[in-house]
């Protein structure tokens, strides 16, 4: 089909050449955002929009789009400051090179230079993951590369934390102007997102594992949150087996949240006891809003948790409805969020 025929065809469809070009530019902008989003959160390489890249390379035979991807990922200032793991960057760059060579494009020197840089860099047990917020800012966290390390799962971000953060972005009024207590804060994704986006008056992060607390404090500071700023932020050690009602009265939380804390049958009893104390300790007539978000990996453990809540006189209802898709994670996972009542 010649150029004139193409223009006639577009005209019949109501598309001018300029409109078609504009749509392609918008599509490319969206794809670049996806590459950036997935790269900085260290999402699985299979989840990247490779098909669009392949089509662009095959049609243009130009590495220009790969250059744009590089600028939004490995060559971005955020990567210089808070780089994903060396191994991840190496795999990502190798995949870009593979796609480029398969399409028969001219070599892109900056792509090979970027790979040479990470090939000569030693791997570490820690890395940074950055989760991009709708406002354009990023929550950057120092996390462990291994899912389980130092006897805890609290040194990485889990899916329920991402879901709860998305829910908070959609329901900011649940946190605005309130004192919020987070149980089992882990590396801090949910709490930092709420502090940066939902304007609580005070936010109390908590955990009990020494290594988790150390990393949590580092991440809170990393994201510019301090006791001297608004919201007032603190990181506190909270052992579920020894916590007292007096402690919770002193905190005076209006909202209590927790993500991915119902996973070990051995601690469910302590968690339920803790939640009972929180609901009893309120010094006002209005009970705190208690929200628990869980990835249901073991239905028996989760069912036992709900049964023990009922035995303790705590009612719950499941919070339904869609949440805005802000962070990349496996949305096929079974995630449930409940609100507790006494």
C-alpha atoms as a PDB file:
ATOM      1  CA  UNK A   1       0.000   0.000   0.000  1.00  0.00           C
ATOM      2  CA  UNK A   2       1.499   3.344  -1.087  1.00  0.00           C
ATOM      3  CA  UNK A   3       1.600   6.514   0.990  1.00  0.00           C
ATOM      4  CA  UNK A   4      -1.492   7.964  -0.692  1.00  0.00           C
ATOM      5  CA  UNK A   5      -3.461   4.759  -0.053  1.00  0.00           C
ATOM      6  CA  UNK A   6      -2.324   4.750   3.592  1.00  0.00           C
ATOM      7  CA  UNK A   7      -3.496   8.347   4.042  1.00  0.00           C
ATOM      8  CA  UNK A   8      -6.848   7.519   2.390  1.00  0.00           C
ATOM      9  CA  UNK A   9      -7.249   4.491   4.665  1.00  0.00           C
ATOM     10  CA  UNK A  10      -6.502   6.615   7.742  1.00  0.00           C
ATOM     11  CA  UNK A  11      -8.897   9.278   6.525  1.00  0.00           C
ATOM     12  CA  UNK A  12     -11.687   6.708   6.243  1.00  0.00           C
ATOM     13  CA  UNK A  13     -10.987   5.631   9.811  1.00  0.00           C
ATOM     14  CA  UNK A  14     -10.987   9.253  10.965  1.00  0.00           C
ATOM     15  CA  UNK A  15      -7.249   9.233  11.639  1.00  0.00           C
ATOM     16  CA  UNK A  16      -4.845  11.733  10.120  1.00  0.00           C
ATOM     17  CA  UNK A  17      -1.148  10.958   9.902  1.00  0.00           C
ATOM     18  CA  UNK A  18      -0.541  13.435  12.733  1.00  0.00           C
ATOM     19  CA  UNK A  19      -3.183  11.792  14.944  1.00  0.00           C
ATOM     20  CA  UNK A  20      -1.702   8.355  14.327  1.00  0.00           C
ATOM     21  CA  UNK A  21       1.769   9.675  15.163  1.00  0.00           C
ATOM     22  CA  UNK A  22       0.449  11.291  18.352  1.00  0.00           C
ATOM     23  CA  UNK A  23      -1.187   8.023  19.414  1.00  0.00           C
ATOM     24  CA  UNK A  24       2.074   6.158  18.857  1.00  0.00           C
ATOM     25  CA  UNK A  25       3.944   8.730  20.962  1.00  0.00           C
ATOM     26  CA  UNK A  26       1.383   8.384  23.783  1.00  0.00           C
ATOM     27  CA  UNK A  27       1.687   4.591  23.594  1.00  0.00           C
ATOM     28  CA  UNK A  28       5.485   4.823  23.735  1.00  0.00           C
ATOM     29  CA  UNK A  29       5.291   7.146  26.737  1.00  0.00           C
ATOM     30  CA  UNK A  30       3.054   4.646  28.552  1.00  0.00           C
ATOM     31  CA  UNK A  31       5.370   1.747  27.684  1.00  0.00           C
ATOM     32  CA  UNK A  32       8.401   3.688  28.931  1.00  0.00           C
ATOM     33  CA  UNK A  33       6.574   4.320  32.219  1.00  0.00           C
ATOM     34  CA  UNK A  34       5.859   0.589  32.507  1.00  0.00           C
ATOM     35  CA  UNK A  35       9.513  -0.272  31.916  1.00  0.00           C
ATOM     36  CA  UNK A  36      10.515   2.220  34.606  1.00  0.00           C
ATOM     37  CA  UNK A  37       7.861   1.025  37.067  1.00  0.00           C
ATOM     38  CA  UNK A  38       8.803  -2.648  36.648  1.00  0.00           C
ATOM     39  CA  UNK A  39      12.553  -2.019  36.648  1.00  0.00           C
ATOM     40  CA  UNK A  40      12.764  -0.022  39.870  1.00  0.00           C
ATOM     41  CA  UNK A  41      10.486  -2.422  41.780  1.00  0.00           C
ATOM     42  CA  UNK A  42      12.562  -5.345  40.417  1.00  0.00           C
ATOM     43  CA  UNK A  43       9.539  -7.062  38.881  1.00  0.00           C
ATOM     44  CA  UNK A  44       9.980 -10.353  37.042  1.00  0.00           C
ATOM     45  CA  UNK A  45      11.517  -9.769  33.614  1.00  0.00           C
ATOM     46  CA  UNK A  46       8.703 -11.770  32.005  1.00  0.00           C
ATOM     47  CA  UNK A  47       6.226  -9.078  33.099  1.00  0.00           C
ATOM     48  CA  UNK A  48       7.863  -6.311  31.024  1.00  0.00           C
ATOM     49  CA  UNK A  49       6.128  -5.112  27.798  1.00  0.00           C
ATOM     50  CA  UNK A  50       8.684  -6.764  25.528  1.00  0.00           C
ATOM     51  CA  UNK A  51       6.206  -7.299  22.672  1.00  0.00           C
ATOM     52  CA  UNK A  52       5.869  -3.567  22.046  1.00  0.00           C
ATOM     53  CA  UNK A  53       9.659  -3.188  22.041  1.00  0.00           C
ATOM     54  CA  UNK A  54      10.049  -6.063  19.581  1.00  0.00           C
ATOM     55  CA  UNK A  55       7.517  -4.549  17.170  1.00  0.00           C
ATOM     56  CA  UNK A  56       9.211  -1.153  17.369  1.00  0.00           C
ATOM     57  CA  UNK A  57      12.654  -2.669  16.707  1.00  0.00           C
ATOM     58  CA  UNK A  58      11.377  -4.718  13.782  1.00  0.00           C
ATOM     59  CA  UNK A  59       9.584  -1.798  12.143  1.00  0.00           C
ATOM     60  CA  UNK A  60      12.227   0.887  12.690  1.00  0.00           C
ATOM     61  CA  UNK A  61      15.464  -1.125  12.821  1.00  0.00           C
ATOM     62  CA  UNK A  62      16.657   1.601  15.168  1.00  0.00           C
ATOM     63  CA  UNK A  63      17.910   1.317  18.766  1.00  0.00           C
ATOM     64  CA  UNK A  64      16.342   4.704  19.618  1.00  0.00           C
ATOM     65  CA  UNK A  65      13.590   3.201  21.768  1.00  0.00           C
ATOM     66  CA  UNK A  66      16.099   1.067  23.664  1.00  0.00           C
ATOM     67  CA  UNK A  67      18.070   4.258  24.307  1.00  0.00           C
ATOM     68  CA  UNK A  68      14.911   5.836  25.732  1.00  0.00           C
ATOM     69  CA  UNK A  69      14.359   2.762  27.946  1.00  0.00           C
ATOM     70  CA  UNK A  70      17.929   3.002  29.233  1.00  0.00           C
ATOM     71  CA  UNK A  71      17.428   6.663  30.164  1.00  0.00           C
ATOM     72  CA  UNK A  72      14.358   5.739  32.208  1.00  0.00           C
ATOM     73  CA  UNK A  73      16.017   2.761  33.935  1.00  0.00           C
ATOM     74  CA  UNK A  74      19.757   2.066  34.303  1.00  0.00           C
ATOM     75  CA  UNK A  75      20.854   5.576  33.326  1.00  0.00           C
ATOM     76  CA  UNK A  76      18.171   7.343  35.358  1.00  0.00           C
ATOM     77  CA  UNK A  77      19.293   9.411  38.360  1.00  0.00           C
ATOM     78  CA  UNK A  78      17.125   7.230  40.652  1.00  0.00           C
ATOM     79  CA  UNK A  79      19.172   4.179  39.619  1.00  0.00           C
ATOM     80  CA  UNK A  80      22.411   5.998  40.415  1.00  0.00           C
ATOM     81  CA  UNK A  81      21.101   6.869  43.878  1.00  0.00           C
ATOM     82  CA  UNK A  82      19.100   3.741  44.729  1.00  0.00           C
ATOM     83  CA  UNK A  83      20.167   0.930  42.351  1.00  0.00           C
ATOM     84  CA  UNK A  84      18.329  -2.391  42.036  1.00  0.00           C
ATOM     85  CA  UNK A  85      20.486  -5.454  42.620  1.00  0.00           C
ATOM     86  CA  UNK A  86      23.555  -6.000  40.449  1.00  0.00           C
ATOM     87  CA  UNK A  87      22.241  -9.370  39.262  1.00  0.00           C
ATOM     88  CA  UNK A  88      18.881  -7.866  38.313  1.00  0.00           C
ATOM     89  CA  UNK A  89      20.451  -5.037  36.325  1.00  0.00           C
ATOM     90  CA  UNK A  90      22.739  -7.524  34.593  1.00  0.00           C
ATOM     91  CA  UNK A  91      19.811  -9.727  33.554  1.00  0.00           C
ATOM     92  CA  UNK A  92      17.759  -6.716  32.426  1.00  0.00           C
ATOM     93  CA  UNK A  93      20.555  -5.292  30.258  1.00  0.00           C
ATOM     94  CA  UNK A  94      21.346  -8.715  28.807  1.00  0.00           C
ATOM     95  CA  UNK A  95      17.692  -9.077  27.813  1.00  0.00           C
ATOM     96  CA  UNK A  96      17.726  -5.662  26.113  1.00  0.00           C
ATOM     97  CA  UNK A  97      20.842  -6.660  24.181  1.00  0.00           C
ATOM     98  CA  UNK A  98      19.295  -9.981  23.173  1.00  0.00           C
ATOM     99  CA  UNK A  99      16.179  -8.248  21.822  1.00  0.00           C
ATOM    100  CA  UNK A 100      18.248  -5.659  19.982  1.00  0.00           C
ATOM    101  CA  UNK A 101      20.509  -8.249  18.328  1.00  0.00           C
ATOM    102  CA  UNK A 102      17.542 -10.475  17.389  1.00  0.00           C
ATOM    103  CA  UNK A 103      15.972  -7.529  15.549  1.00  0.00           C
ATOM    104  CA  UNK A 104      19.193  -6.864  13.621  1.00  0.00           C
ATOM    105  CA  UNK A 105      19.526  -3.280  14.892  1.00  0.00           C
ATOM    106  CA  UNK A 106      22.742  -1.326  14.942  1.00  0.00           C
ATOM    107  CA  UNK A 107      24.627  -1.827  18.252  1.00  0.00           C
ATOM    108  CA  UNK A 108      23.998   0.780  20.923  1.00  0.00           C
ATOM    109  CA  UNK A 109      27.278   1.626  22.662  1.00  0.00           C
ATOM    110  CA  UNK A 110      25.660   2.982  25.828  1.00  0.00           C
ATOM    111  CA  UNK A 111      23.827  -0.337  26.287  1.00  0.00           C
ATOM    112  CA  UNK A 112      27.060  -2.345  26.232  1.00  0.00           C
ATOM    113  CA  UNK A 113      28.783   0.251  28.419  1.00  0.00           C
ATOM    114  CA  UNK A 114      25.997  -0.100  31.011  1.00  0.00           C
ATOM    115  CA  UNK A 115      26.353  -3.890  30.987  1.00  0.00           C
ATOM    116  CA  UNK A 116      30.142  -3.675  31.333  1.00  0.00           C
ATOM    117  CA  UNK A 117      29.662  -1.488  34.396  1.00  0.00           C
ATOM    118  CA  UNK A 118      27.448  -3.997  36.238  1.00  0.00           C
ATOM    119  CA  UNK A 119      29.476  -7.030  35.109  1.00  0.00           C
ATOM    120  CA  UNK A 120      32.413  -5.527  36.986  1.00  0.00           C
ATOM    121  CA  UNK A 121      30.375  -4.840  40.113  1.00  0.00           C
ATOM    122  CA  UNK A 122      30.212  -7.306  43.003  1.00  0.00           C
ATOM    123  CA  UNK A 123      26.823  -8.633  44.116  1.00  0.00           C
ATOM    124  CA  UNK A 124      25.605  -7.813  47.633  1.00  0.00           C
ATOM    125  CA  UNK A 125      22.935  -9.258  49.938  1.00  0.00           C
ATOM    126  CA  UNK A 126      21.019  -5.950  49.891  1.00  0.00           C
ATOM    127  CA  UNK A 127      19.538  -3.837  47.133  1.00  0.00           C
ATOM    128  CA  UNK A 128      17.159  -0.952  46.635  1.00  0.00           C
ATOM    129  CA  UNK A 129      13.626  -1.232  45.349  1.00  0.00           C
ATOM    130  CA  UNK A 130      11.752   1.916  44.397  1.00  0.00           C
ATOM    131  CA  UNK A 131       7.976   2.080  44.145  1.00  0.00           C
ATOM    132  CA  UNK A 132       6.715   4.983  42.036  1.00  0.00           C
ATOM    133  CA  UNK A 133       3.777   6.970  43.435  1.00  0.00           C
ATOM    134  CA  UNK A 134       1.048   8.584  41.288  1.00  0.00           C
ATOM    135  CA  UNK A 135       2.435  12.021  42.215  1.00  0.00           C
ATOM    136  CA  UNK A 136       5.666  11.137  40.415  1.00  0.00           C
ATOM    137  CA  UNK A 137       7.755  10.668  43.563  1.00  0.00           C
ATOM    138  CA  UNK A 138       9.248   7.332  44.622  1.00  0.00           C
ATOM    139  CA  UNK A 139       9.298   5.340  47.850  1.00  0.00           C
ATOM    140  CA  UNK A 140      12.816   3.859  47.845  1.00  0.00           C
ATOM    141  CA  UNK A 141      13.584   1.010  50.221  1.00  0.00           C
ATOM    142  CA  UNK A 142      16.693  -0.907  51.181  1.00  0.00           C
ATOM    143  CA  UNK A 143      15.632  -4.558  51.106  1.00  0.00           C
ATOM    144  CA  UNK A 144      17.354  -7.924  51.315  1.00  0.00           C
ATOM    145  CA  UNK A 145      17.821  -9.821  48.071  1.00  0.00           C
ATOM    146  CA  UNK A 146      16.739 -13.116  49.699  1.00  0.00           C
ATOM    147  CA  UNK A 147      13.056 -13.504  50.599  1.00  0.00           C
ATOM    148  CA  UNK A 148      13.970 -15.129  53.919  1.00  0.00           C
ATOM    149  CA  UNK A 149      17.118 -14.030  55.732  1.00  0.00           C
ATOM    150  CA  UNK A 150      18.335 -13.662  59.305  1.00  0.00           C
ATOM    151  CA  UNK A 151      15.435 -15.866  60.412  1.00  0.00           C
ATOM    152  CA  UNK A 152      12.735 -13.429  59.246  1.00  0.00           C
ATOM    153  CA  UNK A 153      10.574 -12.605  56.226  1.00  0.00           C
ATOM    154  CA  UNK A 154      10.401  -8.949  57.282  1.00  0.00           C
ATOM    155  CA  UNK A 155      13.336  -7.687  55.216  1.00  0.00           C
ATOM    156  CA  UNK A 156      11.445  -7.571  51.901  1.00  0.00           C
ATOM    157  CA  UNK A 157       8.164  -6.066  50.693  1.00  0.00           C
ATOM    158  CA  UNK A 158       5.247  -8.490  50.324  1.00  0.00           C
ATOM    159  CA  UNK A 159       2.130  -8.280  48.138  1.00  0.00           C
ATOM    160  CA  UNK A 160      -0.391  -7.462  50.866  1.00  0.00           C
ATOM    161  CA  UNK A 161       1.700  -4.415  51.827  1.00  0.00           C
ATOM    162  CA  UNK A 162       1.485  -3.191  48.228  1.00  0.00           C
ATOM    163  CA  UNK A 163      -2.277  -3.812  48.128  1.00  0.00           C
ATOM    164  CA  UNK A 164      -2.837  -1.990  51.425  1.00  0.00           C
ATOM    165  CA  UNK A 165      -0.746   0.941  50.176  1.00  0.00           C
ATOM    166  CA  UNK A 166      -2.893   1.101  47.035  1.00  0.00           C
ATOM    167  CA  UNK A 167      -6.060   0.990  49.148  1.00  0.00           C
ATOM    168  CA  UNK A 168      -4.699   3.839  51.276  1.00  0.00           C
ATOM    169  CA  UNK A 169      -4.044   5.952  48.168  1.00  0.00           C
ATOM    170  CA  UNK A 170      -7.692   5.412  47.183  1.00  0.00           C
ATOM    171  CA  UNK A 171      -9.011   6.101  50.722  1.00  0.00           C
ATOM    172  CA  UNK A 172      -6.771   8.865  52.015  1.00  0.00           C
ATOM    173  CA  UNK A 173      -9.531  10.161  54.313  1.00  0.00           C
ATOM    174  CA  UNK A 174      -9.043   7.053  56.490  1.00  0.00           C
ATOM    175  CA  UNK A 175      -5.633   8.441  57.502  1.00  0.00           C
ATOM    176  CA  UNK A 176      -5.750  12.208  57.063  1.00  0.00           C
ATOM    177  CA  UNK A 177      -5.245  14.029  60.368  1.00  0.00           C
ATOM    178  CA  UNK A 178      -5.145  10.752  62.329  1.00  0.00           C
ATOM    179  CA  UNK A 179      -2.674   8.934  64.541  1.00  0.00           C
ATOM    180  CA  UNK A 180      -1.841   5.698  62.753  1.00  0.00           C
ATOM    181  CA  UNK A 181      -0.185   2.616  64.262  1.00  0.00           C
ATOM    182  CA  UNK A 182       1.205  -0.017  61.924  1.00  0.00           C
ATOM    183  CA  UNK A 183       1.850  -3.529  63.231  1.00  0.00           C
ATOM    184  CA  UNK A 184       4.658  -5.540  61.627  1.00  0.00           C
ATOM    185  CA  UNK A 185       5.854  -2.669  59.446  1.00  0.00           C
ATOM    186  CA  UNK A 186       8.666  -4.690  57.846  1.00  0.00           C
ATOM    187  CA  UNK A 187      10.793  -2.534  55.536  1.00  0.00           C
ATOM    188  CA  UNK A 188       8.147   0.222  55.594  1.00  0.00           C
ATOM    189  CA  UNK A 189       6.453   0.414  52.174  1.00  0.00           C
ATOM    190  CA  UNK A 190       2.848   0.839  53.357  1.00  0.00           C
ATOM    191  CA  UNK A 191       3.598   3.284  56.152  1.00  0.00           C
ATOM    192  CA  UNK A 192       5.933   5.462  54.101  1.00  0.00           C
ATOM    193  CA  UNK A 193       3.366   5.616  51.287  1.00  0.00           C
ATOM    194  CA  UNK A 194       0.697   6.742  53.772  1.00  0.00           C
ATOM    195  CA  UNK A 195       3.016   9.337  55.326  1.00  0.00           C
ATOM    196  CA  UNK A 196       3.939  10.721  51.902  1.00  0.00           C
ATOM    197  CA  UNK A 197       0.438  10.735  50.414  1.00  0.00           C
ATOM    198  CA  UNK A 198      -2.314  10.680  53.079  1.00  0.00           C
ATOM    199  CA  UNK A 199      -1.336  13.420  55.585  1.00  0.00           C
ATOM    200  CA  UNK A 200      -1.685  11.594  58.936  1.00  0.00           C
ATOM    201  CA  UNK A 201      -0.942  13.752  61.983  1.00  0.00           C
ATOM    202  CA  UNK A 202       1.262  11.019  63.491  1.00  0.00           C
ATOM    203  CA  UNK A 203       2.508   7.651  62.294  1.00  0.00           C
ATOM    204  CA  UNK A 204       3.976   4.905  64.492  1.00  0.00           C
ATOM    205  CA  UNK A 205       5.888   2.165  62.686  1.00  0.00           C
ATOM    206  CA  UNK A 206       6.452  -0.991  64.741  1.00  0.00           C
ATOM    207  CA  UNK A 207       8.152  -4.373  64.575  1.00  0.00           C
ATOM    208  CA  UNK A 208      10.068  -6.642  66.930  1.00  0.00           C
ATOM    209  CA  UNK A 209      12.931  -8.257  64.993  1.00  0.00           C
ATOM    210  CA  UNK A 210      16.195  -6.305  65.591  1.00  0.00           C
ATOM    211  CA  UNK A 211      17.365  -6.514  61.964  1.00  0.00           C
ATOM    212  CA  UNK A 212      13.938  -5.460  60.672  1.00  0.00           C
ATOM    213  CA  UNK A 213      13.833  -2.495  63.054  1.00  0.00           C
ATOM    214  CA  UNK A 214      17.311  -1.416  61.948  1.00  0.00           C
ATOM    215  CA  UNK A 215      16.347  -1.552  58.256  1.00  0.00           C
ATOM    216  CA  UNK A 216      12.964   0.061  58.950  1.00  0.00           C
ATOM    217  CA  UNK A 217      14.600   3.043  60.695  1.00  0.00           C
ATOM    218  CA  UNK A 218      17.042   3.394  57.799  1.00  0.00           C
ATOM    219  CA  UNK A 219      14.216   3.371  55.233  1.00  0.00           C
ATOM    220  CA  UNK A 220      12.133   5.889  57.160  1.00  0.00           C
ATOM    221  CA  UNK A 221      15.110   8.279  57.199  1.00  0.00           C
ATOM    222  CA  UNK A 222      15.944   7.440  53.584  1.00  0.00           C
ATOM    223  CA  UNK A 223      12.526   8.764  52.564  1.00  0.00           C
ATOM    224  CA  UNK A 224      12.891  12.012  54.480  1.00  0.00           C
ATOM    225  CA  UNK A 225      10.578  11.188  57.391  1.00  0.00           C
ATOM    226  CA  UNK A 226      11.669  12.385  60.832  1.00  0.00           C
ATOM    227  CA  UNK A 227      10.188  13.163  64.237  1.00  0.00           C
ATOM    228  CA  UNK A 228      10.713  16.867  63.550  1.00  0.00           C
ATOM    229  CA  UNK A 229       8.591  16.898  60.402  1.00  0.00           C
ATOM    230  CA  UNK A 230       4.876  16.553  59.720  1.00  0.00           C
ATOM    231  CA  UNK A 231       3.612  13.915  60.085  1.00  0.00           C
ATOM    232  CA  UNK A 232       5.418  13.124  63.321  1.00  0.00           C
ATOM    233  CA  UNK A 233       6.992   9.716  62.758  1.00  0.00           C
ATOM    234  CA  UNK A 234       8.440   7.182  65.169  1.00  0.00           C
ATOM    235  CA  UNK A 235       9.733   3.622  64.881  1.00  0.00           C
ATOM    236  CA  UNK A 236       9.046   1.499  67.958  1.00  0.00           C
ATOM    237  CA  UNK A 237       9.871  -2.013  69.073  1.00  0.00           C
ATOM    238  CA  UNK A 238       6.613  -3.839  69.757  1.00  0.00           C
ATOM    239  CA  UNK A 239       6.686  -7.434  70.975  1.00  0.00           C
ATOM    240  CA  UNK A 240       3.214  -8.919  70.528  1.00  0.00           C
ATOM    241  CA  UNK A 241       3.704 -11.286  73.474  1.00  0.00           C
ATOM    242  CA  UNK A 242       4.579  -8.591  76.024  1.00  0.00           C
ATOM    243  CA  UNK A 243       2.733  -5.493  74.778  1.00  0.00           C
ATOM    244  CA  UNK A 244       0.316  -3.907  77.266  1.00  0.00           C
ATOM    245  CA  UNK A 245      -2.908  -1.933  77.029  1.00  0.00           C
ATOM    246  CA  UNK A 246      -1.048   0.969  78.634  1.00  0.00           C
ATOM    247  CA  UNK A 247       1.318   1.110  75.670  1.00  0.00           C
ATOM    248  CA  UNK A 248      -1.596   1.390  73.260  1.00  0.00           C
ATOM    249  CA  UNK A 249      -3.303   4.042  75.384  1.00  0.00           C
ATOM    250  CA  UNK A 250      -0.127   6.115  75.207  1.00  0.00           C
ATOM    251  CA  UNK A 251      -0.032   5.778  71.407  1.00  0.00           C
ATOM    252  CA  UNK A 252      -3.724   6.657  71.150  1.00  0.00           C
ATOM    253  CA  UNK A 253      -4.111   5.356  67.601  1.00  0.00           C
ATOM    254  CA  UNK A 254      -7.175   6.348  65.588  1.00  0.00           C
ATOM    255  CA  UNK A 255      -6.277   3.862  62.869  1.00  0.00           C
ATOM    256  CA  UNK A 256      -4.369   0.570  63.179  1.00  0.00           C
ATOM    257  CA  UNK A 257      -3.108  -1.268  60.106  1.00  0.00           C
ATOM    258  CA  UNK A 258      -1.170  -4.446  59.388  1.00  0.00           C
ATOM    259  CA  UNK A 259      -0.185  -6.248  56.183  1.00  0.00           C
ATOM    260  CA  UNK A 260       0.930  -9.853  55.781  1.00  0.00           C
ATOM    261  CA  UNK A 261       1.008 -10.625  59.503  1.00  0.00           C
ATOM    262  CA  UNK A 262      -1.238 -13.731  59.322  1.00  0.00           C
ATOM    263  CA  UNK A 263       1.153 -16.327  57.898  1.00  0.00           C
ATOM    264  CA  UNK A 264       2.533 -18.320  60.843  1.00  0.00           C
ATOM    265  CA  UNK A 265       0.086 -20.445  62.890  1.00  0.00           C
ATOM    266  CA  UNK A 266       2.420 -20.164  65.883  1.00  0.00           C
ATOM    267  CA  UNK A 267       1.896 -16.395  66.200  1.00  0.00           C
ATOM    268  CA  UNK A 268      -1.821 -16.138  65.370  1.00  0.00           C
ATOM    269  CA  UNK A 269      -2.786 -16.475  69.054  1.00  0.00           C
ATOM    270  CA  UNK A 270      -0.432 -13.639  70.060  1.00  0.00           C
ATOM    271  CA  UNK A 271      -1.773 -11.464  67.243  1.00  0.00           C
ATOM    272  CA  UNK A 272      -5.401 -11.973  68.274  1.00  0.00           C
ATOM    273  CA  UNK A 273      -4.526 -11.177  71.899  1.00  0.00           C
ATOM    274  CA  UNK A 274      -2.747  -8.027  70.728  1.00  0.00           C
ATOM    275  CA  UNK A 275      -5.720  -6.917  68.649  1.00  0.00           C
ATOM    276  CA  UNK A 276      -8.024  -7.466  71.650  1.00  0.00           C
ATOM    277  CA  UNK A 277      -5.805  -5.211  73.731  1.00  0.00           C
ATOM    278  CA  UNK A 278      -5.834  -2.525  71.056  1.00  0.00           C
ATOM    279  CA  UNK A 279      -9.629  -2.554  70.837  1.00  0.00           C
ATOM    280  CA  UNK A 280      -9.939  -2.466  74.648  1.00  0.00           C
ATOM    281  CA  UNK A 281      -7.373   0.265  75.183  1.00  0.00           C
ATOM    282  CA  UNK A 282      -9.185   3.080  73.392  1.00  0.00           C
ATOM    283  CA  UNK A 283      -9.613   6.033  75.753  1.00  0.00           C
ATOM    284  CA  UNK A 284     -12.429   7.496  73.659  1.00  0.00           C
ATOM    285  CA  UNK A 285     -15.906   6.273  72.851  1.00  0.00           C
ATOM    286  CA  UNK A 286     -14.864   5.814  69.235  1.00  0.00           C
ATOM    287  CA  UNK A 287     -12.869   2.621  68.720  1.00  0.00           C
ATOM    288  CA  UNK A 288      -9.825   2.754  66.462  1.00  0.00           C
ATOM    289  CA  UNK A 289     -10.333   1.632  62.886  1.00  0.00           C
ATOM    290  CA  UNK A 290      -8.407  -1.655  62.606  1.00  0.00           C
ATOM    291  CA  UNK A 291      -7.524  -2.900  59.119  1.00  0.00           C
ATOM    292  CA  UNK A 292      -5.743  -6.202  58.443  1.00  0.00           C
ATOM    293  CA  UNK A 293      -4.612  -7.074  54.905  1.00  0.00           C
ATOM    294  CA  UNK A 294      -3.466 -10.629  54.197  1.00  0.00           C
ATOM    295  CA  UNK A 295      -2.176 -12.711  51.345  1.00  0.00           C
ATOM    296  CA  UNK A 296      -3.920 -16.040  51.930  1.00  0.00           C
ATOM    297  CA  UNK A 297      -1.131 -18.538  51.372  1.00  0.00           C
ATOM    298  CA  UNK A 298      -2.420 -21.123  53.839  1.00  0.00           C
ATOM    299  CA  UNK A 299      -6.250 -21.139  54.070  1.00  0.00           C
ATOM    300  CA  UNK A 300      -6.155 -23.195  57.289  1.00  0.00           C
ATOM    301  CA  UNK A 301      -3.988 -20.619  59.073  1.00  0.00           C
ATOM    302  CA  UNK A 302      -6.170 -17.748  57.852  1.00  0.00           C
ATOM    303  CA  UNK A 303      -9.371 -19.568  58.836  1.00  0.00           C
ATOM    304  CA  UNK A 304      -7.918 -20.230  62.287  1.00  0.00           C
ATOM    305  CA  UNK A 305      -7.118 -16.523  62.638  1.00  0.00           C
ATOM    306  CA  UNK A 306     -10.725 -15.566  61.894  1.00  0.00           C
ATOM    307  CA  UNK A 307     -12.047 -18.231  64.240  1.00  0.00           C
ATOM    308  CA  UNK A 308      -9.823 -17.023  67.079  1.00  0.00           C
ATOM    309  CA  UNK A 309     -10.985 -13.447  66.431  1.00  0.00           C
ATOM    310  CA  UNK A 310     -14.567 -14.610  66.903  1.00  0.00           C
ATOM    311  CA  UNK A 311     -13.659 -16.516  70.075  1.00  0.00           C
ATOM    312  CA  UNK A 312     -12.129 -13.288  71.435  1.00  0.00           C
ATOM    313  CA  UNK A 313     -15.355 -11.394  70.753  1.00  0.00           C
ATOM    314  CA  UNK A 314     -13.971  -9.549  67.724  1.00  0.00           C
ATOM    315  CA  UNK A 315     -16.191  -9.248  64.664  1.00  0.00           C
ATOM    316  CA  UNK A 316     -14.944  -8.474  61.183  1.00  0.00           C
ATOM    317  CA  UNK A 317     -16.171  -7.642  57.721  1.00  0.00           C
ATOM    318  CA  UNK A 318     -14.373  -8.056  54.409  1.00  0.00           C
ATOM    319  CA  UNK A 319     -13.591  -4.830  52.570  1.00  0.00           C
ATOM    320  CA  UNK A 320     -14.395  -5.311  48.901  1.00  0.00           C
ATOM    321  CA  UNK A 321     -14.129  -3.200  45.784  1.00  0.00           C
ATOM    322  CA  UNK A 322     -11.314  -2.565  43.324  1.00  0.00           C
ATOM    323  CA  UNK A 323      -8.174  -0.603  44.145  1.00  0.00           C
ATOM    324  CA  UNK A 324      -6.191   1.556  41.760  1.00  0.00           C
ATOM    325  CA  UNK A 325      -3.312  -0.295  40.118  1.00  0.00           C
ATOM    326  CA  UNK A 326      -0.275   1.697  41.241  1.00  0.00           C
ATOM    327  CA  UNK A 327       2.408  -0.884  42.012  1.00  0.00           C
ATOM    328  CA  UNK A 328       3.387  -3.963  39.993  1.00  0.00           C
ATOM    329  CA  UNK A 329       2.782  -7.295  41.742  1.00  0.00           C
ATOM    330  CA  UNK A 330       0.995 -10.589  41.149  1.00  0.00           C
ATOM    331  CA  UNK A 331      -2.708  -9.674  41.160  1.00  0.00           C
ATOM    332  CA  UNK A 332      -3.705 -13.318  40.886  1.00  0.00           C
ATOM    333  CA  UNK A 333      -2.659 -13.779  44.508  1.00  0.00           C
ATOM    334  CA  UNK A 334      -5.501 -14.243  46.969  1.00  0.00           C
ATOM    335  CA  UNK A 335      -5.458 -11.045  49.044  1.00  0.00           C
ATOM    336  CA  UNK A 336      -8.166 -10.135  51.567  1.00  0.00           C
ATOM    337  CA  UNK A 337      -8.602  -7.036  53.678  1.00  0.00           C
ATOM    338  CA  UNK A 338     -10.801  -7.005  56.773  1.00  0.00           C
ATOM    339  CA  UNK A 339     -11.921  -4.392  59.283  1.00  0.00           C
ATOM    340  CA  UNK A 340     -12.284  -5.427  62.919  1.00  0.00           C
ATOM    341  CA  UNK A 341     -15.000  -4.503  65.425  1.00  0.00           C
ATOM    342  CA  UNK A 342     -15.638  -5.212  69.070  1.00  0.00           C
END
